[in-house]
PDB file of all heavy atoms in Angstrom:
ATOM      1  N   GLY A   1      40.276  -4.186  17.052  1.00  0.00           N
ATOM      2  CA  GLY A   1      40.925  -4.641  18.283  1.00  0.00           C
ATOM      3  C   GLY A   1      40.078  -4.342  19.493  1.00  0.00           C
ATOM      4  O   GLY A   1      39.467  -3.278  19.575  1.00  0.00           O
ATOM      5  N   PRO A   2      40.038  -5.252  20.478  1.00  0.00           N
ATOM      6  CA  PRO A   2      39.149  -5.094  21.630  1.00  0.00           C
ATOM      7  C   PRO A   2      39.716  -4.266  22.773  1.00  0.00           C
ATOM      8  O   PRO A   2      39.026  -4.025  23.760  1.00  0.00           O
ATOM      9  CB  PRO A   2      38.945  -6.545  22.086  1.00  0.00           C
ATOM     10  CG  PRO A   2      40.230  -7.223  21.731  1.00  0.00           C
ATOM     11  CD  PRO A   2      40.701  -6.575  20.462  1.00  0.00           C
ATOM     12  N   ASP A   3      40.952  -3.820  22.652  1.00  0.00           N
ATOM     13  CA  ASP A   3      41.597  -3.095  23.749  1.00  0.00           C
ATOM     14  C   ASP A   3      41.568  -1.599  23.480  1.00  0.00           C
ATOM     15  O   ASP A   3      42.226  -1.111  22.551  1.00  0.00           O
ATOM     16  CB  ASP A   3      43.049  -3.565  23.902  1.00  0.00           C
ATOM     17  CG  ASP A   3      43.730  -2.964  25.123  1.00  0.00           C
ATOM     18  OD1 ASP A   3      43.135  -2.060  25.755  1.00  0.00           O
ATOM     19  OD2 ASP A   3      44.855  -3.387  25.449  1.00  0.00           O
ATOM     20  N   PRO A   4      40.814  -0.815  24.281  1.00  0.00           N
ATOM     21  CA  PRO A   4      40.737   0.630  24.041  1.00  0.00           C
ATOM     22  C   PRO A   4      42.060   1.359  24.230  1.00  0.00           C
ATOM     23  O   PRO A   4      42.229   2.476  23.729  1.00  0.00           O
ATOM     24  CB  PRO A   4      39.698   1.102  25.072  1.00  0.00           C
ATOM     25  CG  PRO A   4      39.646   0.040  26.104  1.00  0.00           C
ATOM     26  CD  PRO A   4      39.968  -1.240  25.411  1.00  0.00           C
ATOM     27  N   ILE A   5      42.996   0.739  24.934  1.00  0.00           N
ATOM     28  CA  ILE A   5      44.301   1.375  25.126  1.00  0.00           C
ATOM     29  C   ILE A   5      45.061   1.453  23.803  1.00  0.00           C
ATOM     30  O   ILE A   5      45.712   2.462  23.499  1.00  0.00           O
ATOM     31  CB  ILE A   5      45.132   0.609  26.180  1.00  0.00           C
ATOM     32  CG1 ILE A   5      44.453   0.701  27.555  1.00  0.00           C
ATOM     33  CG2 ILE A   5      46.558   1.154  26.246  1.00  0.00           C
ATOM     34  CD1 ILE A   5      45.129  -0.110  28.634  1.00  0.00           C
ATOM     35  N   THR A   6      44.968   0.410  23.010  1.00  0.00           N
ATOM     36  CA  THR A   6      45.680   0.366  21.728  1.00  0.00           C
ATOM     37  C   THR A   6      44.776   0.681  20.538  1.00  0.00           C
ATOM     38  O   THR A   6      45.251   0.742  19.407  1.00  0.00           O
ATOM     39  CB  THR A   6      46.316  -1.018  21.526  1.00  0.00           C
ATOM     40  OG1 THR A   6      45.293  -2.020  21.608  1.00  0.00           O
ATOM     41  CG2 THR A   6      47.369  -1.290  22.588  1.00  0.00           C
ATOM     42  N   ASN A   7      43.483   0.882  20.796  1.00  0.00           N
ATOM     43  CA  ASN A   7      42.519   1.166  19.729  1.00  0.00           C
ATOM     44  C   ASN A   7      41.813   2.487  20.042  1.00  0.00           C
ATOM     45  O   ASN A   7      40.787   2.504  20.716  1.00  0.00           O
ATOM     46  CB  ASN A   7      41.500   0.016  19.631  1.00  0.00           C
ATOM     47  CG  ASN A   7      40.508   0.205  18.480  1.00  0.00           C
ATOM     48  OD1 ASN A   7      40.388   1.278  17.906  1.00  0.00           O
ATOM     49  ND2 ASN A   7      39.771  -0.851  18.162  1.00  0.00           N
ATOM     50  N   PRO A   8      42.359   3.611  19.560  1.00  0.00           N
ATOM     51  CA  PRO A   8      41.774   4.927  19.871  1.00  0.00           C
ATOM     52  C   PRO A   8      40.316   5.057  19.429  1.00  0.00           C
ATOM     53  O   PRO A   8      39.518   5.719  20.095  1.00  0.00           O
ATOM     54  CB  PRO A   8      42.676   5.902  19.098  1.00  0.00           C
ATOM     55  CG  PRO A   8      43.949   5.171  18.873  1.00  0.00           C
ATOM     56  CD  PRO A   8      43.567   3.725  18.732  1.00  0.00           C
ATOM     57  N   LYS A   9      39.977   4.435  18.303  1.00  0.00           N
ATOM     58  CA  LYS A   9      38.602   4.510  17.804  1.00  0.00           C
ATOM     59  C   LYS A   9      37.637   3.879  18.806  1.00  0.00           C
ATOM     60  O   LYS A   9      36.562   4.417  19.071  1.00  0.00           O
ATOM     61  CB  LYS A   9      38.513   3.803  16.451  1.00  0.00           C
ATOM     62  CG  LYS A   9      37.192   3.976  15.721  1.00  0.00           C
ATOM     63  CD  LYS A   9      37.275   3.347  14.341  1.00  0.00           C
ATOM     64  CE  LYS A   9      35.971   3.488  13.578  1.00  0.00           C
ATOM     65  NZ  LYS A   9      36.059   2.868  12.230  1.00  0.00           N
ATOM     66  N   LEU A  10      38.040   2.757  19.383  1.00  0.00           N
ATOM     67  CA  LEU A  10      37.207   2.099  20.389  1.00  0.00           C
ATOM     68  C   LEU A  10      37.152   2.933  21.663  1.00  0.00           C
ATOM     69  O   LEU A  10      36.099   3.027  22.309  1.00  0.00           O
ATOM     70  CB  LEU A  10      37.749   0.694  20.684  1.00  0.00           C
ATOM     71  CG  LEU A  10      36.997  -0.114  21.747  1.00  0.00           C
ATOM     72  CD1 LEU A  10      35.541  -0.304  21.358  1.00  0.00           C
ATOM     73  CD2 LEU A  10      37.678  -1.468  21.967  1.00  0.00           C
ATOM     74  N   ARG A  11      38.267   3.549  22.014  1.00  0.00           N
ATOM     75  CA  ARG A  11      38.311   4.368  23.227  1.00  0.00           C
ATOM     76  C   ARG A  11      37.308   5.524  23.128  1.00  0.00           C
ATOM     77  O   ARG A  11      36.592   5.810  24.092  1.00  0.00           O
ATOM     78  CB  ARG A  11      39.729   4.891  23.443  1.00  0.00           C
ATOM     79  CG  ARG A  11      39.902   5.660  24.741  1.00  0.00           C
ATOM     80  CD  ARG A  11      41.355   5.756  25.141  1.00  0.00           C
ATOM     81  NE  ARG A  11      42.186   6.453  24.189  1.00  0.00           N
ATOM     82  CZ  ARG A  11      43.129   5.880  23.431  1.00  0.00           C
ATOM     83  NH1 ARG A  11      43.364   4.579  23.524  1.00  0.00           N
ATOM     84  NH2 ARG A  11      43.855   6.590  22.587  1.00  0.00           N
ATOM     85  N   VAL A  12      37.246   6.165  21.970  1.00  0.00           N
ATOM     86  CA  VAL A  12      36.308   7.268  21.776  1.00  0.00           C
ATOM     87  C   VAL A  12      34.866   6.763  21.872  1.00  0.00           C
ATOM     88  O   VAL A  12      34.003   7.400  22.485  1.00  0.00           O
ATOM     89  CB  VAL A  12      36.552   7.954  20.417  1.00  0.00           C
ATOM     90  CG1 VAL A  12      35.405   8.902  20.072  1.00  0.00           C
ATOM     91  CG2 VAL A  12      37.868   8.726  20.434  1.00  0.00           C
ATOM     92  N   ALA A  13      34.601   5.598  21.270  1.00  0.00           N
ATOM     93  CA  ALA A  13      33.246   5.041  21.300  1.00  0.00           C
ATOM     94  C   ALA A  13      32.825   4.693  22.724  1.00  0.00           C
ATOM     95  O   ALA A  13      31.674   4.928  23.118  1.00  0.00           O
ATOM     96  CB  ALA A  13      33.175   3.802  20.399  1.00  0.00           C
ATOM     97  N   ILE A  14      33.746   4.155  23.498  1.00  0.00           N
ATOM     98  CA  ILE A  14      33.436   3.811  24.895  1.00  0.00           C
ATOM     99  C   ILE A  14      33.208   5.079  25.719  1.00  0.00           C
ATOM    100  O   ILE A  14      32.335   5.116  26.599  1.00  0.00           O
ATOM    101  CB  ILE A  14      34.556   2.946  25.504  1.00  0.00           C
ATOM    102  CG1 ILE A  14      34.559   1.558  24.841  1.00  0.00           C
ATOM    103  CG2 ILE A  14      34.375   2.800  27.012  1.00  0.00           C
ATOM    104  CD1 ILE A  14      35.714   0.673  25.261  1.00  0.00           C
ATOM    105  N   GLU A  15      33.953   6.137  25.425  1.00  0.00           N
ATOM    106  CA  GLU A  15      33.737   7.418  26.102  1.00  0.00           C
ATOM    107  C   GLU A  15      32.322   7.928  25.833  1.00  0.00           C
ATOM    108  O   GLU A  15      31.649   8.444  26.732  1.00  0.00           O
ATOM    109  CB  GLU A  15      34.768   8.446  25.626  1.00  0.00           C
ATOM    110  CG  GLU A  15      36.168   8.223  26.169  1.00  0.00           C
ATOM    111  CD  GLU A  15      37.183   9.156  25.552  1.00  0.00           C
ATOM    112  OE1 GLU A  15      36.786  10.008  24.721  1.00  0.00           O
ATOM    113  OE2 GLU A  15      38.371   9.050  25.880  1.00  0.00           O
ATOM    114  N   GLN A  16      31.860   7.785  24.596  1.00  0.00           N
ATOM    115  CA  GLN A  16      30.504   8.213  24.265  1.00  0.00           C
ATOM    116  C   GLN A  16      29.479   7.374  25.015  1.00  0.00           C
ATOM    117  O   GLN A  16      28.440   7.884  25.452  1.00  0.00           O
ATOM    118  CB  GLN A  16      30.280   8.124  22.756  1.00  0.00           C
ATOM    119  CG  GLN A  16      31.081   9.138  21.968  1.00  0.00           C
ATOM    120  CD  GLN A  16      30.592   9.290  20.546  1.00  0.00           C
ATOM    121  OE1 GLN A  16      29.682   8.602  20.109  1.00  0.00           O
ATOM    122  NE2 GLN A  16      31.209  10.195  19.806  1.00  0.00           N
ATOM    123  N   ALA A  17      29.774   6.077  25.151  1.00  0.00           N
ATOM    124  CA  ALA A  17      28.874   5.203  25.901  1.00  0.00           C
ATOM    125  C   ALA A  17      28.760   5.665  27.356  1.00  0.00           C
ATOM    126  O   ALA A  17      27.672   5.692  27.934  1.00  0.00           O
ATOM    127  CB  ALA A  17      29.368   3.762  25.838  1.00  0.00           C
ATOM    128  N   LYS A  18      29.884   6.046  27.943  1.00  0.00           N
ATOM    129  CA  LYS A  18      29.876   6.516  29.334  1.00  0.00           C
ATOM    130  C   LYS A  18      29.096   7.812  29.479  1.00  0.00           C
ATOM    131  O   LYS A  18      28.338   8.000  30.428  1.00  0.00           O
ATOM    132  CB  LYS A  18      31.314   6.703  29.833  1.00  0.00           C
ATOM    133  CG  LYS A  18      32.073   5.393  30.035  1.00  0.00           C
ATOM    134  CD  LYS A  18      33.510   5.650  30.472  1.00  0.00           C
ATOM    135  CE  LYS A  18      34.262   4.352  30.689  1.00  0.00           C
ATOM    136  NZ  LYS A  18      35.686   4.587  31.055  1.00  0.00           N
ATOM    137  N   LEU A  19      29.272   8.731  28.523  1.00  0.00           N
ATOM    138  CA  LEU A  19      28.580  10.010  28.576  1.00  0.00           C
ATOM    139  C   LEU A  19      27.070   9.843  28.451  1.00  0.00           C
ATOM    140  O   LEU A  19      26.302  10.652  28.978  1.00  0.00           O
ATOM    141  CB  LEU A  19      29.100  10.939  27.474  1.00  0.00           C
ATOM    142  CG  LEU A  19      30.492  11.541  27.699  1.00  0.00           C
ATOM    143  CD1 LEU A  19      30.996  12.198  26.437  1.00  0.00           C
ATOM    144  CD2 LEU A  19      30.463  12.540  28.847  1.00  0.00           C
ATOM    145  N   SER A  20      26.638   8.815  27.744  1.00  0.00           N
ATOM    146  CA  SER A  20      25.197   8.575  27.584  1.00  0.00           C
ATOM    147  C   SER A  20      24.663   7.612  28.639  1.00  0.00           C
ATOM    148  O   SER A  20      23.515   7.189  28.569  1.00  0.00           O
ATOM    149  CB  SER A  20      24.902   8.024  26.186  1.00  0.00           C
ATOM    150  OG  SER A  20      25.554   6.784  25.982  1.00  0.00           O
ATOM    151  N   ASN A  21      25.527   7.273  29.632  1.00  0.00           N
ATOM    152  CA  ASN A  21      25.135   6.365  30.732  1.00  0.00           C
ATOM    153  C   ASN A  21      24.711   4.999  30.232  1.00  0.00           C
ATOM    154  O   ASN A  21      23.804   4.370  30.790  1.00  0.00           O
ATOM    155  CB  ASN A  21      24.010   6.997  31.574  1.00  0.00           C
ATOM    156  CG  ASN A  21      24.470   8.246  32.296  1.00  0.00           C
ATOM    157  OD1 ASN A  21      25.553   8.266  32.878  1.00  0.00           O
ATOM    158  ND2 ASN A  21      23.666   9.290  32.246  1.00  0.00           N
ATOM    159  N   MET A  22      25.367   4.529  29.203  1.00  0.00           N
ATOM    160  CA  MET A  22      25.077   3.208  28.647  1.00  0.00           C
ATOM    161  C   MET A  22      25.592   2.130  29.604  1.00  0.00           C
ATOM    162  O   MET A  22      26.734   2.204  30.065  1.00  0.00           O
ATOM    163  CB  MET A  22      25.753   3.071  27.282  1.00  0.00           C
ATOM    164  CG  MET A  22      25.446   1.814  26.525  1.00  0.00           C
ATOM    165  SD  MET A  22      26.137   1.938  24.843  1.00  0.00           S
ATOM    166  CE  MET A  22      25.844   0.278  24.249  1.00  0.00           C
ATOM    167  N   PRO A  23      24.771   1.135  29.950  1.00  0.00           N
ATOM    168  CA  PRO A  23      25.213   0.092  30.885  1.00  0.00           C
ATOM    169  C   PRO A  23      26.468  -0.642  30.407  1.00  0.00           C
ATOM    170  O   PRO A  23      26.661  -0.853  29.201  1.00  0.00           O
ATOM    171  CB  PRO A  23      24.011  -0.865  30.931  1.00  0.00           C
ATOM    172  CG  PRO A  23      22.843  -0.015  30.549  1.00  0.00           C
ATOM    173  CD  PRO A  23      23.371   0.965  29.549  1.00  0.00           C
ATOM    174  N   LYS A  24      27.309  -1.013  31.359  1.00  0.00           N
ATOM    175  CA  LYS A  24      28.568  -1.683  31.042  1.00  0.00           C
ATOM    176  C   LYS A  24      28.353  -2.981  30.278  1.00  0.00           C
ATOM    177  O   LYS A  24      29.121  -3.310  29.367  1.00  0.00           O
ATOM    178  CB  LYS A  24      29.342  -1.959  32.337  1.00  0.00           C
ATOM    179  CG  LYS A  24      30.735  -2.516  32.119  1.00  0.00           C
ATOM    180  CD  LYS A  24      31.455  -2.703  33.440  1.00  0.00           C
ATOM    181  CE  LYS A  24      32.856  -3.292  33.228  1.00  0.00           C
ATOM    182  NZ  LYS A  24      33.555  -3.499  34.519  1.00  0.00           N
ATOM    183  N   ASP A  25      27.288  -3.712  30.618  1.00  0.00           N
ATOM    184  CA  ASP A  25      27.003  -4.963  29.921  1.00  0.00           C
ATOM    185  C   ASP A  25      26.740  -4.734  28.433  1.00  0.00           C
ATOM    186  O   ASP A  25      27.159  -5.528  27.592  1.00  0.00           O
ATOM    187  CB  ASP A  25      25.790  -5.667  30.544  1.00  0.00           C
ATOM    188  CG  ASP A  25      26.107  -6.273  31.906  1.00  0.00           C
ATOM    189  OD1 ASP A  25      27.305  -6.345  32.255  1.00  0.00           O
ATOM    190  OD2 ASP A  25      25.170  -6.676  32.616  1.00  0.00           O
ATOM    191  N   ASN A  26      26.048  -3.642  28.129  1.00  0.00           N
ATOM    192  CA  ASN A  26      25.787  -3.302  26.722  1.00  0.00           C
ATOM    193  C   ASN A  26      27.093  -3.040  25.981  1.00  0.00           C
ATOM    194  O   ASN A  26      27.272  -3.447  24.828  1.00  0.00           O
ATOM    195  CB  ASN A  26      24.896  -2.070  26.624  1.00  0.00           C
ATOM    196  CG  ASN A  26      23.501  -2.297  27.168  1.00  0.00           C
ATOM    197  OD1 ASN A  26      23.320  -3.009  28.152  1.00  0.00           O
ATOM    198  ND2 ASN A  26      22.498  -1.680  26.552  1.00  0.00           N
ATOM    199  N   VAL A  27      28.005  -2.333  26.643  1.00  0.00           N
ATOM    200  CA  VAL A  27      29.303  -2.028  26.039  1.00  0.00           C
ATOM    201  C   VAL A  27      30.079  -3.314  25.764  1.00  0.00           C
ATOM    202  O   VAL A  27      30.613  -3.500  24.659  1.00  0.00           O
ATOM    203  CB  VAL A  27      30.125  -1.095  26.956  1.00  0.00           C
ATOM    204  CG1 VAL A  27      31.533  -0.900  26.406  1.00  0.00           C
ATOM    205  CG2 VAL A  27      29.420   0.250  27.130  1.00  0.00           C
ATOM    206  N   GLU A  28      30.108  -4.195  26.734  1.00  0.00           N
ATOM    207  CA  GLU A  28      30.864  -5.441  26.580  1.00  0.00           C
ATOM    208  C   GLU A  28      30.285  -6.308  25.471  1.00  0.00           C
ATOM    209  O   GLU A  28      31.030  -6.910  24.684  1.00  0.00           O
ATOM    210  CB  GLU A  28      30.875  -6.204  27.906  1.00  0.00           C
ATOM    211  CG  GLU A  28      31.716  -5.500  28.988  1.00  0.00           C
ATOM    212  CD  GLU A  28      31.647  -6.199  30.332  1.00  0.00           C
ATOM    213  OE1 GLU A  28      30.818  -7.145  30.473  1.00  0.00           O
ATOM    214  OE2 GLU A  28      32.406  -5.798  31.243  1.00  0.00           O
ATOM    215  N   ARG A  29      28.954  -6.369  25.368  1.00  0.00           N
ATOM    216  CA  ARG A  29      28.338  -7.158  24.294  1.00  0.00           C
ATOM    217  C   ARG A  29      28.643  -6.556  22.926  1.00  0.00           C
ATOM    218  O   ARG A  29      28.885  -7.286  21.962  1.00  0.00           O
ATOM    219  CB  ARG A  29      26.824  -7.251  24.503  1.00  0.00           C
ATOM    220  CG  ARG A  29      26.412  -8.216  25.614  1.00  0.00           C
ATOM    221  CD  ARG A  29      24.935  -8.556  25.524  1.00  0.00           C
ATOM    222  NE  ARG A  29      24.094  -7.381  25.733  1.00  0.00           N
ATOM    223  CZ  ARG A  29      23.671  -6.972  26.921  1.00  0.00           C
ATOM    224  NH1 ARG A  29      24.001  -7.650  28.022  1.00  0.00           N
ATOM    225  NH2 ARG A  29      22.903  -5.900  27.035  1.00  0.00           N
ATOM    226  N   ALA A  30      28.638  -5.239  22.848  1.00  0.00           N
ATOM    227  CA  ALA A  30      28.945  -4.585  21.568  1.00  0.00           C
ATOM    228  C   ALA A  30      30.377  -4.881  21.135  1.00  0.00           C
ATOM    229  O   ALA A  30      30.649  -5.116  19.954  1.00  0.00           O
ATOM    230  CB  ALA A  30      28.721  -3.078  21.690  1.00  0.00           C
ATOM    231  N   ILE A  31      31.307  -4.880  22.106  1.00  0.00           N
ATOM    232  CA  ILE A  31      32.701  -5.222  21.793  1.00  0.00           C
ATOM    233  C   ILE A  31      32.789  -6.663  21.314  1.00  0.00           C
ATOM    234  O   ILE A  31      33.472  -6.974  20.315  1.00  0.00           O
ATOM    235  CB  ILE A  31      33.604  -5.010  23.026  1.00  0.00           C
ATOM    236  CG1 ILE A  31      33.700  -3.516  23.358  1.00  0.00           C
ATOM    237  CG2 ILE A  31      34.995  -5.591  22.786  1.00  0.00           C
ATOM    238  CD1 ILE A  31      34.427  -3.216  24.652  1.00  0.00           C
ATOM    239  N   GLN A  32      32.093  -7.566  21.985  1.00  0.00           N
ATOM    240  CA  GLN A  32      32.134  -8.988  21.611  1.00  0.00           C
ATOM    241  C   GLN A  32      31.538  -9.231  20.222  1.00  0.00           C
ATOM    242  O   GLN A  32      32.004 -10.113  19.500  1.00  0.00           O
ATOM    243  CB  GLN A  32      31.395  -9.810  22.668  1.00  0.00           C
ATOM    244  CG  GLN A  32      32.150  -9.883  23.995  1.00  0.00           C
ATOM    245  CD  GLN A  32      31.332 -10.515  25.109  1.00  0.00           C
ATOM    246  OE1 GLN A  32      30.105 -10.539  25.052  1.00  0.00           O
ATOM    247  NE2 GLN A  32      32.013 -11.013  26.134  1.00  0.00           N
ATOM    248  N   ARG A  33      30.530  -8.436  19.858  1.00  0.00           N
ATOM    249  CA  ARG A  33      29.999  -8.565  18.498  1.00  0.00           C
ATOM    250  C   ARG A  33      31.028  -8.106  17.474  1.00  0.00           C
ATOM    251  O   ARG A  33      31.136  -8.670  16.385  1.00  0.00           O
ATOM    252  CB  ARG A  33      28.703  -7.761  18.356  1.00  0.00           C
ATOM    253  CG  ARG A  33      27.494  -8.436  19.000  1.00  0.00           C
ATOM    254  CD  ARG A  33      26.189  -7.788  18.577  1.00  0.00           C
ATOM    255  NE  ARG A  33      26.033  -6.456  19.134  1.00  0.00           N
ATOM    256  CZ  ARG A  33      25.471  -6.196  20.312  1.00  0.00           C
ATOM    257  NH1 ARG A  33      24.989  -7.186  21.046  1.00  0.00           N
ATOM    258  NH2 ARG A  33      25.367  -4.959  20.750  1.00  0.00           N
ATOM    259  N   GLY A  34      31.795  -7.083  17.839  1.00  0.00           N
ATOM    260  CA  GLY A  34      32.817  -6.594  16.923  1.00  0.00           C
ATOM    261  C   GLY A  34      33.964  -7.571  16.738  1.00  0.00           C
ATOM    262  O   GLY A  34      34.529  -7.691  15.636  1.00  0.00           O
ATOM    263  N   THR A  35      34.320  -8.272  17.807  1.00  0.00           N
ATOM    264  CA  THR A  35      35.429  -9.234  17.722  1.00  0.00           C
ATOM    265  C   THR A  35      34.982 -10.596  17.216  1.00  0.00           C
ATOM    266  O   THR A  35      35.812 -11.468  16.969  1.00  0.00           O
ATOM    267  CB  THR A  35      36.086  -9.408  19.102  1.00  0.00           C
ATOM    268  OG1 THR A  35      35.097  -9.874  20.038  1.00  0.00           O
ATOM    269  CG2 THR A  35      36.670  -8.093  19.588  1.00  0.00           C
ATOM    270  N   GLY A  36      33.659 -10.786  17.088  1.00  0.00           N
ATOM    271  CA  GLY A  36      33.152 -12.069  16.610  1.00  0.00           C
ATOM    272  C   GLY A  36      32.837 -13.067  17.706  1.00  0.00           C
ATOM    273  O   GLY A  36      32.424 -14.196  17.412  1.00  0.00           O
ATOM    274  N   GLU A  37      33.039 -12.672  18.973  1.00  0.00           N
ATOM    275  CA  GLU A  37      32.723 -13.587  20.078  1.00  0.00           C
ATOM    276  C   GLU A  37      31.225 -13.817  20.205  1.00  0.00           C
ATOM    277  O   GLU A  37      30.784 -14.873  20.665  1.00  0.00           O
ATOM    278  CB  GLU A  37      33.268 -13.019  21.395  1.00  0.00           C
ATOM    279  CG  GLU A  37      34.785 -12.943  21.457  1.00  0.00           C
ATOM    280  CD  GLU A  37      35.257 -12.294  22.745  1.00  0.00           C
ATOM    281  OE1 GLU A  37      35.015 -12.880  23.816  1.00  0.00           O
ATOM    282  OE2 GLU A  37      35.836 -11.191  22.669  1.00  0.00           O
ATOM    283  N   LEU A  38      30.432 -12.808  19.815  1.00  0.00           N
ATOM    284  CA  LEU A  38      28.980 -12.928  19.780  1.00  0.00           C
ATOM    285  C   LEU A  38      28.495 -12.701  18.354  1.00  0.00           C
ATOM    286  O   LEU A  38      29.082 -11.915  17.599  1.00  0.00           O
ATOM    287  CB  LEU A  38      28.315 -11.895  20.702  1.00  0.00           C
ATOM    288  CG  LEU A  38      28.426 -12.091  22.209  1.00  0.00           C
ATOM    289  CD1 LEU A  38      27.732 -10.939  22.928  1.00  0.00           C
ATOM    290  CD2 LEU A  38      27.822 -13.418  22.637  1.00  0.00           C
ATOM    291  N   ALA A  39      27.434 -13.411  17.989  1.00  0.00           N
ATOM    292  CA  ALA A  39      26.861 -13.209  16.658  1.00  0.00           C
ATOM    293  C   ALA A  39      26.190 -11.842  16.587  1.00  0.00           C
ATOM    294  O   ALA A  39      25.667 -11.327  17.585  1.00  0.00           O
ATOM    295  CB  ALA A  39      25.839 -14.306  16.365  1.00  0.00           C
ATOM    296  N   GLY A  40      26.200 -11.235  15.420  1.00  0.00           N
ATOM    297  CA  GLY A  40      25.562  -9.932  15.250  1.00  0.00           C
ATOM    298  C   GLY A  40      25.386  -9.612  13.783  1.00  0.00           C
ATOM    299  O   GLY A  40      25.800 -10.380  12.901  1.00  0.00           O
ATOM    300  N   ASP A  41      24.744  -8.490  13.518  1.00  0.00           N
ATOM    301  CA  ASP A  41      24.544  -8.068  12.133  1.00  0.00           C
ATOM    302  C   ASP A  41      25.882  -7.743  11.483  1.00  0.00           C
ATOM    303  O   ASP A  41      26.841  -7.348  12.155  1.00  0.00           O
ATOM    304  CB  ASP A  41      23.643  -6.825  12.089  1.00  0.00           C
ATOM    305  CG  ASP A  41      22.240  -7.113  12.581  1.00  0.00           C
ATOM    306  OD1 ASP A  41      21.759  -8.233  12.372  1.00  0.00           O
ATOM    307  OD2 ASP A  41      21.632  -6.206  13.195  1.00  0.00           O
ATOM    308  N   ASN A  42      25.930  -7.884  10.183  1.00  0.00           N
ATOM    309  CA  ASN A  42      27.128  -7.542   9.424  1.00  0.00           C
ATOM    310  C   ASN A  42      27.107  -6.042   9.139  1.00  0.00           C
ATOM    311  O   ASN A  42      26.574  -5.592   8.128  1.00  0.00           O
ATOM    312  CB  ASN A  42      27.175  -8.343   8.124  1.00  0.00           C
ATOM    313  CG  ASN A  42      28.469  -8.119   7.362  1.00  0.00           C
ATOM    314  OD1 ASN A  42      29.483  -7.724   7.945  1.00  0.00           O
ATOM    315  ND2 ASN A  42      28.442  -8.357   6.070  1.00  0.00           N
TER     316      ASN A  42
END
């Protein structure tokens, strides 16, 4: 699920992204790959 409010696993991953100063665009693309909106590795 793409919503960190209802997906605790995603919320933790996004928290790690923030702690490592990962750009917001990178986070959004990673979410889109997970939901299938963007192509990515299996």
